[in-house]
Amino acid sequence: MTMTEKLEMVSANKSFGGWHKRYRHYSRALDCEMVFAIYLPPQAETERVPLLWWLSGLTCTDENFMQKAGAHRVAAELGMAILCPDTSPRGTDLPGEHDSYDLGSGAGFYVNASREPWKKHYRMYDYVTEELPSVVRQHFPVNGRESISGHSMGGHGALTMSLRRPGHYRSVSAFAPIVNPSQCPWGRKAFKAYLGDDAGTWTQYDTCELVAKGASRQPLFIDQGESDDFLEEQLKPERLEAVCAEHDHPLTLRRQPGYDHSYYFIASFIEDHLRYHAEYLFKHG
């Protein structure tokens, strides 16, 4: 991104003394216009602040977390910015892009697609790890300390990005993440379309596989609702628990009785996650 390129503000709302702002920009990685949201706490008026990346799940946009999670109050108290990208390219109208909720629009799976017709636009891994961080550094008062979290498909993205980039994120957490996508229906459908039939190429985006390969020793903090409709078929947290135990990988997996897959679940425990990340963003090294 050059200095001549601008962000277009879509909206701005005062919230707990800070600002929730939405911006539109042209993404070179995705070759389309994208919208992202950022919450800037009151402290950002006078100093640079740490940043938490939040990756949302299937069908979501940047708006779901910001409106439903109830994160602004604690982020304002802690002095933490939160950045929410969208979950896929928009407006590209590729063949089949809008046919189902779990592939294409709203379902980028945070991978770099290598198959037609997806590979020109569906490069969400590069967008979230390279392009958008550059945009944020240029335009907002962040101090370079970053953590990452997410929900469901976004939890998958947060875990794989942290494991693939040792030392980049100070901490990682997830709500009901898809931990073994190469072995569940959501992941297999997306990976086959975006990456092709060679399952060997899928492992770079699979948390269980990355832990097994020793990609990183970063501690994982996960909350999972026990009444989640997707628990057995799609999420399979017991698989991550087993591989972490086998390879002595640090894992905190909290099973929450009665909670489902919704934002009621996220809102109930988001404060725990924000304070967990604050321990790393403010107090560790």
C-alpha atoms as a PDB file:
ATOM      1  CA  MET A   1       0.000   0.000   0.000  1.00  0.00           C
ATOM      2  CA  THR A   2       1.443   3.349  -1.000  1.00  0.00           C
ATOM      3  CA  MET A   3       0.964   6.607   0.848  1.00  0.00           C
ATOM      4  CA  THR A   4      -1.303   7.856  -1.971  1.00  0.00           C
ATOM      5  CA  GLU A   5      -3.885   5.154  -1.236  1.00  0.00           C
ATOM      6  CA  LYS A   6      -6.578   6.134   1.236  1.00  0.00           C
ATOM      7  CA  LEU A   7      -9.027   4.525   3.557  1.00  0.00           C
ATOM      8  CA  GLU A   8     -12.655   5.513   3.162  1.00  0.00           C
ATOM      9  CA  MET A   9     -14.501   5.740   6.458  1.00  0.00           C
ATOM     10  CA  VAL A  10     -17.826   3.913   6.317  1.00  0.00           C
ATOM     11  CA  SER A  11     -19.045   4.722   9.830  1.00  0.00           C
ATOM     12  CA  ALA A  12     -17.885   5.828  13.284  1.00  0.00           C
ATOM     13  CA  ASN A  13     -19.561   5.235  16.630  1.00  0.00           C
ATOM     14  CA  LYS A  14     -18.441   6.396  20.053  1.00  0.00           C
ATOM     15  CA  SER A  15     -18.303   3.412  22.423  1.00  0.00           C
ATOM     16  CA  PHE A  16     -17.114   3.288  26.047  1.00  0.00           C
ATOM     17  CA  GLY A  17     -15.026   6.404  25.536  1.00  0.00           C
ATOM     18  CA  GLY A  18     -13.340   5.031  22.431  1.00  0.00           C
ATOM     19  CA  TRP A  19     -14.345   4.687  18.797  1.00  0.00           C
ATOM     20  CA  HIS A  20     -15.658   1.839  16.698  1.00  0.00           C
ATOM     21  CA  LYS A  21     -14.857   2.705  13.089  1.00  0.00           C
ATOM     22  CA  ARG A  22     -15.433   0.889   9.803  1.00  0.00           C
ATOM     23  CA  TYR A  23     -13.283   1.507   6.727  1.00  0.00           C
ATOM     24  CA  ARG A  24     -13.351   0.504   3.076  1.00  0.00           C
ATOM     25  CA  HIS A  25     -10.157   0.003   1.076  1.00  0.00           C
ATOM     26  CA  TYR A  26      -8.923  -1.740  -2.036  1.00  0.00           C
ATOM     27  CA  SER A  27      -7.090  -4.975  -1.272  1.00  0.00           C
ATOM     28  CA  ARG A  28      -4.314  -6.005  -3.649  1.00  0.00           C
ATOM     29  CA  ALA A  29      -4.142  -9.457  -2.060  1.00  0.00           C
ATOM     30  CA  LEU A  30      -7.830 -10.102  -2.784  1.00  0.00           C
ATOM     31  CA  ASP A  31      -8.193  -7.854  -5.843  1.00  0.00           C
ATOM     32  CA  CYS A  32     -11.416  -6.298  -4.587  1.00  0.00           C
ATOM     33  CA  GLU A  33     -12.708  -3.700  -2.171  1.00  0.00           C
ATOM     34  CA  MET A  34     -12.895  -4.798   1.455  1.00  0.00           C
ATOM     35  CA  VAL A  35     -14.386  -3.411   4.652  1.00  0.00           C
ATOM     36  CA  PHE A  36     -12.840  -3.880   8.084  1.00  0.00           C
ATOM     37  CA  ALA A  37     -13.670  -2.594  11.554  1.00  0.00           C
ATOM     38  CA  ILE A  38     -11.407  -1.352  14.325  1.00  0.00           C
ATOM     39  CA  TYR A  39     -12.169  -0.480  17.924  1.00  0.00           C
ATOM     40  CA  LEU A  40      -9.809   2.176  19.275  1.00  0.00           C
ATOM     41  CA  PRO A  41      -9.914   2.526  23.074  1.00  0.00           C
ATOM     42  CA  PRO A  42      -9.769   5.957  24.760  1.00  0.00           C
ATOM     43  CA  GLN A  43      -6.033   5.517  25.380  1.00  0.00           C
ATOM     44  CA  ALA A  44      -5.422   5.593  21.619  1.00  0.00           C
ATOM     45  CA  GLU A  45      -6.095   9.341  21.678  1.00  0.00           C
ATOM     46  CA  THR A  46      -2.763   9.929  23.430  1.00  0.00           C
ATOM     47  CA  GLU A  47      -0.604   6.830  22.992  1.00  0.00           C
ATOM     48  CA  ARG A  48       0.011   3.778  20.848  1.00  0.00           C
ATOM     49  CA  VAL A  49      -1.860   0.700  21.994  1.00  0.00           C
ATOM     50  CA  PRO A  50      -1.616  -3.091  21.508  1.00  0.00           C
ATOM     51  CA  LEU A  51      -3.898  -4.832  19.045  1.00  0.00           C
ATOM     52  CA  LEU A  52      -6.090  -7.928  19.196  1.00  0.00           C
ATOM     53  CA  TRP A  53      -7.053  -9.481  15.874  1.00  0.00           C
ATOM     54  CA  TRP A  54     -10.497 -11.096  15.854  1.00  0.00           C
ATOM     55  CA  LEU A  55     -11.375 -13.538  13.071  1.00  0.00           C
ATOM     56  CA  SER A  56     -15.061 -14.312  12.669  1.00  0.00           C
ATOM     57  CA  GLY A  57     -16.798 -17.483  11.532  1.00  0.00           C
ATOM     58  CA  LEU A  58     -18.922 -18.692   8.644  1.00  0.00           C
ATOM     59  CA  THR A  59     -21.473 -16.201   7.236  1.00  0.00           C
ATOM     60  CA  CYS A  60     -20.126 -13.351   9.383  1.00  0.00           C
ATOM     61  CA  THR A  61     -18.761  -9.944   8.380  1.00  0.00           C
ATOM     62  CA  ASP A  62     -16.743  -7.446  10.400  1.00  0.00           C
ATOM     63  CA  GLU A  63     -19.973  -6.360  12.117  1.00  0.00           C
ATOM     64  CA  ASN A  64     -20.990  -9.498  14.044  1.00  0.00           C
ATOM     65  CA  PHE A  65     -18.308  -9.435  16.732  1.00  0.00           C
ATOM     66  CA  MET A  66     -18.316  -5.675  17.194  1.00  0.00           C
ATOM     67  CA  GLN A  67     -22.078  -5.550  17.701  1.00  0.00           C
ATOM     68  CA  LYS A  68     -22.733  -8.774  19.608  1.00  0.00           C
ATOM     69  CA  ALA A  69     -19.675  -9.774  21.655  1.00  0.00           C
ATOM     70  CA  GLY A  70     -19.740  -6.986  24.240  1.00  0.00           C
ATOM     71  CA  ALA A  71     -15.975  -6.556  24.001  1.00  0.00           C
ATOM     72  CA  HIS A  72     -15.691  -2.767  23.912  1.00  0.00           C
ATOM     73  CA  ARG A  73     -16.132  -2.142  27.641  1.00  0.00           C
ATOM     74  CA  VAL A  74     -13.226  -4.363  28.684  1.00  0.00           C
ATOM     75  CA  ALA A  75     -11.066  -3.295  25.722  1.00  0.00           C
ATOM     76  CA  ALA A  76     -11.585   0.334  26.773  1.00  0.00           C
ATOM     77  CA  GLU A  77     -10.603  -0.479  30.347  1.00  0.00           C
ATOM     78  CA  LEU A  78      -7.489  -2.364  29.243  1.00  0.00           C
ATOM     79  CA  GLY A  79      -6.427   0.059  26.516  1.00  0.00           C
ATOM     80  CA  MET A  80      -6.547  -2.566  23.759  1.00  0.00           C
ATOM     81  CA  ALA A  81      -7.509  -2.030  20.120  1.00  0.00           C
ATOM     82  CA  ILE A  82      -9.486  -4.742  18.310  1.00  0.00           C
ATOM     83  CA  LEU A  83      -9.366  -5.309  14.557  1.00  0.00           C
ATOM     84  CA  CYS A  84     -12.066  -7.314  12.724  1.00  0.00           C
ATOM     85  CA  PRO A  85     -11.543  -8.121   9.048  1.00  0.00           C
ATOM     86  CA  ASP A  86     -14.288  -9.564   6.874  1.00  0.00           C
ATOM     87  CA  THR A  87     -14.449 -13.334   6.387  1.00  0.00           C
ATOM     88  CA  SER A  88     -14.043 -13.454   2.586  1.00  0.00           C
ATOM     89  CA  PRO A  89     -13.653 -11.314  -0.512  1.00  0.00           C
ATOM     90  CA  ARG A  90     -16.807  -9.477  -1.520  1.00  0.00           C
ATOM     91  CA  GLY A  91     -18.341  -8.442  -4.829  1.00  0.00           C
ATOM     92  CA  THR A  92     -16.332 -10.814  -6.991  1.00  0.00           C
ATOM     93  CA  ASP A  93     -19.373 -12.898  -8.071  1.00  0.00           C
ATOM     94  CA  LEU A  94     -17.415 -16.018  -8.947  1.00  0.00           C
ATOM     95  CA  PRO A  95     -19.236 -19.126 -10.218  1.00  0.00           C
ATOM     96  CA  GLY A  96     -20.845 -20.824  -7.230  1.00  0.00           C
ATOM     97  CA  GLU A  97     -19.627 -18.169  -4.804  1.00  0.00           C
ATOM     98  CA  HIS A  98     -23.049 -17.548  -3.280  1.00  0.00           C
ATOM     99  CA  ASP A  99     -24.545 -21.046  -3.577  1.00  0.00           C
ATOM    100  CA  SER A 100     -23.912 -22.252  -0.008  1.00  0.00           C
ATOM    101  CA  TYR A 101     -23.092 -20.764   3.390  1.00  0.00           C
ATOM    102  CA  ASP A 102     -19.929 -22.834   3.888  1.00  0.00           C
ATOM    103  CA  LEU A 103     -18.065 -22.078   0.645  1.00  0.00           C
ATOM    104  CA  GLY A 104     -17.344 -18.811  -1.105  1.00  0.00           C
ATOM    105  CA  SER A 105     -18.941 -15.635   0.216  1.00  0.00           C
ATOM    106  CA  GLY A 106     -18.521 -15.423   3.985  1.00  0.00           C
ATOM    107  CA  ALA A 107     -16.438 -18.603   4.027  1.00  0.00           C
ATOM    108  CA  GLY A 108     -12.863 -17.752   3.062  1.00  0.00           C
ATOM    109  CA  PHE A 109     -11.414 -20.174   5.669  1.00  0.00           C
ATOM    110  CA  TYR A 110      -8.321 -17.930   6.020  1.00  0.00           C
ATOM    111  CA  VAL A 111      -6.375 -19.830   3.355  1.00  0.00           C
ATOM    112  CA  ASN A 112      -4.605 -18.822   0.149  1.00  0.00           C
ATOM    113  CA  ALA A 113      -6.614 -20.551  -2.572  1.00  0.00           C
ATOM    114  CA  SER A 114      -4.625 -22.201  -5.363  1.00  0.00           C
ATOM    115  CA  ARG A 115      -7.480 -23.497  -7.527  1.00  0.00           C
ATOM    116  CA  GLU A 116      -9.737 -21.811 -10.051  1.00  0.00           C
ATOM    117  CA  PRO A 117     -11.958 -19.884  -9.837  1.00  0.00           C
ATOM    118  CA  TRP A 118     -10.891 -18.951  -6.310  1.00  0.00           C
ATOM    119  CA  LYS A 119      -7.160 -18.292  -6.491  1.00  0.00           C
ATOM    120  CA  LYS A 120      -7.320 -14.730  -7.845  1.00  0.00           C
ATOM    121  CA  HIS A 121      -9.375 -13.411  -4.930  1.00  0.00           C
ATOM    122  CA  TYR A 122      -9.537 -15.925  -2.094  1.00  0.00           C
ATOM    123  CA  ARG A 123      -6.196 -15.220  -0.423  1.00  0.00           C
ATOM    124  CA  MET A 124      -7.418 -14.458   3.065  1.00  0.00           C
ATOM    125  CA  TYR A 125      -4.263 -15.788   4.742  1.00  0.00           C
ATOM    126  CA  ASP A 126      -2.108 -13.170   3.015  1.00  0.00           C
ATOM    127  CA  TYR A 127      -4.733 -10.489   3.552  1.00  0.00           C
ATOM    128  CA  VAL A 128      -4.896 -11.031   7.320  1.00  0.00           C
ATOM    129  CA  THR A 129      -1.208 -11.736   7.972  1.00  0.00           C
ATOM    130  CA  GLU A 130       0.465  -9.303   5.550  1.00  0.00           C
ATOM    131  CA  GLU A 131      -1.649  -6.712   3.761  1.00  0.00           C
ATOM    132  CA  LEU A 132      -4.092  -5.605   6.444  1.00  0.00           C
ATOM    133  CA  PRO A 133      -1.407  -5.355   9.173  1.00  0.00           C
ATOM    134  CA  SER A 134       0.506  -2.993   6.883  1.00  0.00           C
ATOM    135  CA  VAL A 135      -2.614  -0.860   6.446  1.00  0.00           C
ATOM    136  CA  VAL A 136      -3.221  -0.794  10.188  1.00  0.00           C
ATOM    137  CA  ARG A 137       0.354   0.198  11.015  1.00  0.00           C
ATOM    138  CA  GLN A 138       0.181   3.112   8.578  1.00  0.00           C
ATOM    139  CA  HIS A 139      -3.133   4.542   9.694  1.00  0.00           C
ATOM    140  CA  PHE A 140      -3.697   3.747  13.371  1.00  0.00           C
ATOM    141  CA  PRO A 141      -1.834   4.283  16.690  1.00  0.00           C
ATOM    142  CA  VAL A 142      -0.800   0.684  17.382  1.00  0.00           C
ATOM    143  CA  ASN A 143       2.442  -0.250  19.112  1.00  0.00           C
ATOM    144  CA  GLY A 144       3.369  -3.497  17.361  1.00  0.00           C
ATOM    145  CA  ARG A 145       2.223  -5.854  20.116  1.00  0.00           C
ATOM    146  CA  GLU A 146      -0.402  -8.192  18.661  1.00  0.00           C
ATOM    147  CA  SER A 147      -2.510 -11.152  19.753  1.00  0.00           C
ATOM    148  CA  ILE A 148      -5.148 -13.081  17.841  1.00  0.00           C
ATOM    149  CA  SER A 149      -8.463 -14.779  18.557  1.00  0.00           C
ATOM    150  CA  GLY A 150     -11.549 -15.975  16.711  1.00  0.00           C
ATOM    151  CA  HIS A 151     -14.677 -18.086  16.581  1.00  0.00           C
ATOM    152  CA  SER A 152     -15.388 -21.329  14.699  1.00  0.00           C
ATOM    153  CA  MET A 153     -13.877 -20.860  11.206  1.00  0.00           C
ATOM    154  CA  GLY A 154     -12.167 -17.799  12.672  1.00  0.00           C
ATOM    155  CA  GLY A 155     -10.872 -19.831  15.595  1.00  0.00           C
ATOM    156  CA  HIS A 156      -9.341 -22.168  13.015  1.00  0.00           C
ATOM    157  CA  GLY A 157      -7.751 -19.140  11.346  1.00  0.00           C
ATOM    158  CA  ALA A 158      -6.401 -17.713  14.606  1.00  0.00           C
ATOM    159  CA  LEU A 159      -4.863 -21.000  15.731  1.00  0.00           C
ATOM    160  CA  THR A 160      -3.245 -21.844  12.398  1.00  0.00           C
ATOM    161  CA  MET A 161      -1.881 -18.342  11.871  1.00  0.00           C
ATOM    162  CA  SER A 162      -0.318 -18.292  15.330  1.00  0.00           C
ATOM    163  CA  LEU A 163       1.215 -21.753  14.948  1.00  0.00           C
ATOM    164  CA  ARG A 164       2.599 -20.970  11.501  1.00  0.00           C
ATOM    165  CA  ARG A 165       4.149 -17.674  12.653  1.00  0.00           C
ATOM    166  CA  PRO A 166       6.013 -18.467  15.890  1.00  0.00           C
ATOM    167  CA  GLY A 167       6.710 -15.385  17.969  1.00  0.00           C
ATOM    168  CA  HIS A 168       4.535 -13.030  15.938  1.00  0.00           C
ATOM    169  CA  TYR A 169       1.399 -13.098  18.086  1.00  0.00           C
ATOM    170  CA  ARG A 170       1.989 -12.777  21.803  1.00  0.00           C
ATOM    171  CA  SER A 171      -1.009 -14.963  22.554  1.00  0.00           C
ATOM    172  CA  VAL A 172      -3.805 -16.861  20.834  1.00  0.00           C
ATOM    173  CA  SER A 173      -7.267 -17.975  21.897  1.00  0.00           C
ATOM    174  CA  ALA A 174     -10.392 -19.337  20.242  1.00  0.00           C
ATOM    175  CA  PHE A 175     -14.074 -20.012  20.765  1.00  0.00           C
ATOM    176  CA  ALA A 176     -15.368 -23.319  19.365  1.00  0.00           C
ATOM    177  CA  PRO A 177     -12.632 -23.554  16.710  1.00  0.00           C
ATOM    178  CA  ILE A 178     -12.547 -25.987  13.802  1.00  0.00           C
ATOM    179  CA  VAL A 179      -9.361 -27.696  14.986  1.00  0.00           C
ATOM    180  CA  ASN A 180      -9.056 -30.522  12.448  1.00  0.00           C
ATOM    181  CA  PRO A 181     -10.606 -29.143   9.230  1.00  0.00           C
ATOM    182  CA  SER A 182      -8.993 -31.726   6.975  1.00  0.00           C
ATOM    183  CA  GLN A 183     -11.104 -34.341   8.795  1.00  0.00           C
ATOM    184  CA  CYS A 184     -14.499 -32.612   9.053  1.00  0.00           C
ATOM    185  CA  PRO A 185     -17.188 -31.778   6.443  1.00  0.00           C
ATOM    186  CA  TRP A 186     -16.784 -27.989   6.551  1.00  0.00           C
ATOM    187  CA  GLY A 187     -13.033 -28.145   6.131  1.00  0.00           C
ATOM    188  CA  ARG A 188     -12.931 -30.891   3.546  1.00  0.00           C
ATOM    189  CA  LYS A 189     -15.448 -29.078   1.335  1.00  0.00           C
ATOM    190  CA  ALA A 190     -13.561 -25.793   1.537  1.00  0.00           C
ATOM    191  CA  PHE A 191     -10.059 -27.238   1.225  1.00  0.00           C
ATOM    192  CA  LYS A 192     -10.953 -29.369  -1.783  1.00  0.00           C
ATOM    193  CA  ALA A 193     -12.435 -26.351  -3.567  1.00  0.00           C
ATOM    194  CA  TYR A 194      -9.741 -23.850  -2.611  1.00  0.00           C
ATOM    195  CA  LEU A 195      -6.643 -26.071  -2.492  1.00  0.00           C
ATOM    196  CA  GLY A 196      -7.392 -29.132  -4.637  1.00  0.00           C
ATOM    197  CA  ASP A 197      -7.571 -32.883  -4.073  1.00  0.00           C
ATOM    198  CA  ASP A 198      -4.085 -33.334  -2.583  1.00  0.00           C
ATOM    199  CA  ALA A 199      -4.826 -33.541   1.137  1.00  0.00           C
ATOM    200  CA  GLY A 200      -1.133 -33.081   1.829  1.00  0.00           C
ATOM    201  CA  THR A 201      -1.513 -29.408   0.962  1.00  0.00           C
ATOM    202  CA  TRP A 202      -4.312 -29.066   3.506  1.00  0.00           C
ATOM    203  CA  THR A 203      -2.126 -29.743   6.538  1.00  0.00           C
ATOM    204  CA  GLN A 204      -0.638 -26.236   6.545  1.00  0.00           C
ATOM    205  CA  TYR A 205      -4.092 -24.972   7.540  1.00  0.00           C
ATOM    206  CA  ASP A 206      -4.957 -27.662  10.101  1.00  0.00           C
ATOM    207  CA  THR A 207      -4.292 -26.984  13.800  1.00  0.00           C
ATOM    208  CA  CYS A 208      -3.985 -30.650  14.761  1.00  0.00           C
ATOM    209  CA  GLU A 209      -1.504 -31.278  11.959  1.00  0.00           C
ATOM    210  CA  LEU A 210       0.559 -28.196  12.846  1.00  0.00           C
ATOM    211  CA  VAL A 211       0.775 -29.229  16.502  1.00  0.00           C
ATOM    212  CA  ALA A 212       1.794 -32.742  15.467  1.00  0.00           C
ATOM    213  CA  LYS A 213       4.557 -31.313  13.286  1.00  0.00           C
ATOM    214  CA  GLY A 214       5.853 -29.119  16.120  1.00  0.00           C
ATOM    215  CA  ALA A 215       5.251 -25.909  14.169  1.00  0.00           C
ATOM    216  CA  SER A 216       5.207 -23.831  17.366  1.00  0.00           C
ATOM    217  CA  ARG A 217       5.062 -24.210  21.141  1.00  0.00           C
ATOM    218  CA  GLN A 218       2.648 -21.321  21.627  1.00  0.00           C
ATOM    219  CA  PRO A 219       0.069 -22.037  24.360  1.00  0.00           C
ATOM    220  CA  LEU A 220      -3.499 -22.456  23.112  1.00  0.00           C
ATOM    221  CA  PHE A 221      -6.499 -21.174  25.104  1.00  0.00           C
ATOM    222  CA  ILE A 222      -9.894 -22.461  23.943  1.00  0.00           C
ATOM    223  CA  ASP A 223     -13.476 -22.283  25.177  1.00  0.00           C
ATOM    224  CA  GLN A 224     -15.970 -24.819  23.831  1.00  0.00           C
ATOM    225  CA  GLY A 225     -19.692 -24.988  24.577  1.00  0.00           C
ATOM    226  CA  GLU A 226     -20.865 -28.487  25.447  1.00  0.00           C
ATOM    227  CA  SER A 227     -24.295 -27.893  23.851  1.00  0.00           C
ATOM    228  CA  ASP A 228     -22.803 -26.748  20.540  1.00  0.00           C
ATOM    229  CA  ASP A 229     -24.752 -28.286  17.638  1.00  0.00           C
ATOM    230  CA  PHE A 230     -21.518 -28.609  15.633  1.00  0.00           C
ATOM    231  CA  LEU A 231     -19.434 -30.182  18.388  1.00  0.00           C
ATOM    232  CA  GLU A 232     -19.263 -33.797  17.239  1.00  0.00           C
ATOM    233  CA  GLU A 233     -19.356 -33.478  13.458  1.00  0.00           C
ATOM    234  CA  GLN A 234     -17.339 -30.333  12.785  1.00  0.00           C
ATOM    235  CA  LEU A 235     -15.337 -29.109  15.790  1.00  0.00           C
ATOM    236  CA  LYS A 236     -13.903 -32.252  17.394  1.00  0.00           C
ATOM    237  CA  PRO A 237     -11.941 -30.623  20.258  1.00  0.00           C
ATOM    238  CA  GLU A 238     -11.004 -34.043  21.625  1.00  0.00           C
ATOM    239  CA  ARG A 239      -8.712 -34.497  18.613  1.00  0.00           C
ATOM    240  CA  LEU A 240      -6.741 -31.375  19.482  1.00  0.00           C
ATOM    241  CA  GLU A 241      -6.681 -32.409  23.126  1.00  0.00           C
ATOM    242  CA  ALA A 242      -5.203 -35.780  22.161  1.00  0.00           C
ATOM    243  CA  VAL A 243      -2.529 -34.418  19.824  1.00  0.00           C
ATOM    244  CA  CYS A 244      -1.504 -31.737  22.332  1.00  0.00           C
ATOM    245  CA  ALA A 245      -1.162 -34.393  25.030  1.00  0.00           C
ATOM    246  CA  GLU A 246       0.867 -36.627  22.710  1.00  0.00           C
ATOM    247  CA  HIS A 247       3.273 -33.837  21.786  1.00  0.00           C
ATOM    248  CA  ASP A 248       3.276 -32.070  25.160  1.00  0.00           C
ATOM    249  CA  HIS A 249       1.855 -28.892  23.610  1.00  0.00           C
ATOM    250  CA  PRO A 250       0.443 -26.336  26.085  1.00  0.00           C
ATOM    251  CA  LEU A 251      -3.365 -26.338  25.867  1.00  0.00           C
ATOM    252  CA  THR A 252      -6.112 -24.939  28.066  1.00  0.00           C
ATOM    253  CA  LEU A 253      -9.433 -26.321  26.832  1.00  0.00           C
ATOM    254  CA  ARG A 254     -12.445 -25.240  28.867  1.00  0.00           C
ATOM    255  CA  ARG A 255     -15.691 -27.087  28.241  1.00  0.00           C
ATOM    256  CA  GLN A 256     -18.637 -24.877  29.134  1.00  0.00           C
ATOM    257  CA  PRO A 257     -21.825 -26.806  30.066  1.00  0.00           C
ATOM    258  CA  GLY A 258     -25.037 -25.629  28.390  1.00  0.00           C
ATOM    259  CA  TYR A 259     -23.433 -23.175  25.963  1.00  0.00           C
ATOM    260  CA  ASP A 260     -24.009 -23.377  22.213  1.00  0.00           C
ATOM    261  CA  HIS A 261     -22.224 -21.965  19.150  1.00  0.00           C
ATOM    262  CA  SER A 262     -23.808 -18.510  19.239  1.00  0.00           C
ATOM    263  CA  TYR A 263     -22.661 -15.043  20.253  1.00  0.00           C
ATOM    264  CA  TYR A 264     -24.423 -15.567  23.586  1.00  0.00           C
ATOM    265  CA  PHE A 265     -21.581 -18.007  24.261  1.00  0.00           C
ATOM    266  CA  ILE A 266     -18.903 -15.598  23.044  1.00  0.00           C
ATOM    267  CA  ALA A 267     -20.323 -12.667  25.017  1.00  0.00           C
ATOM    268  CA  SER A 268     -20.357 -14.807  28.177  1.00  0.00           C
ATOM    269  CA  PHE A 269     -16.604 -15.459  28.110  1.00  0.00           C
ATOM    270  CA  ILE A 270     -15.071 -12.666  25.989  1.00  0.00           C
ATOM    271  CA  GLU A 271     -13.896 -10.816  29.095  1.00  0.00           C
ATOM    272  CA  ASP A 272     -11.832 -13.841  30.143  1.00  0.00           C
ATOM    273  CA  HIS A 273     -10.192 -13.906  26.725  1.00  0.00           C
ATOM    274  CA  LEU A 274      -9.450 -10.177  26.624  1.00  0.00           C
ATOM    275  CA  ARG A 275      -7.852 -10.306  30.057  1.00  0.00           C
ATOM    276  CA  TYR A 276      -5.885 -13.383  29.036  1.00  0.00           C
ATOM    277  CA  HIS A 277      -4.466 -11.537  26.042  1.00  0.00           C
ATOM    278  CA  ALA A 278      -3.776  -8.437  28.147  1.00  0.00           C
ATOM    279  CA  GLU A 279      -1.435 -10.518  30.313  1.00  0.00           C
ATOM    280  CA  TYR A 280       0.734 -11.056  27.234  1.00  0.00           C
ATOM    281  CA  LEU A 281       0.203  -7.725  25.499  1.00  0.00           C
ATOM    282  CA  PHE A 282       1.020  -5.585  28.541  1.00  0.00           C
ATOM    283  CA  LYS A 283       3.012  -7.650  31.023  1.00  0.00           C
ATOM    284  CA  HIS A 284       5.182 -10.128  29.173  1.00  0.00           C
ATOM    285  CA  GLY A 285       8.528  -8.954  27.922  1.00  0.00           C
END
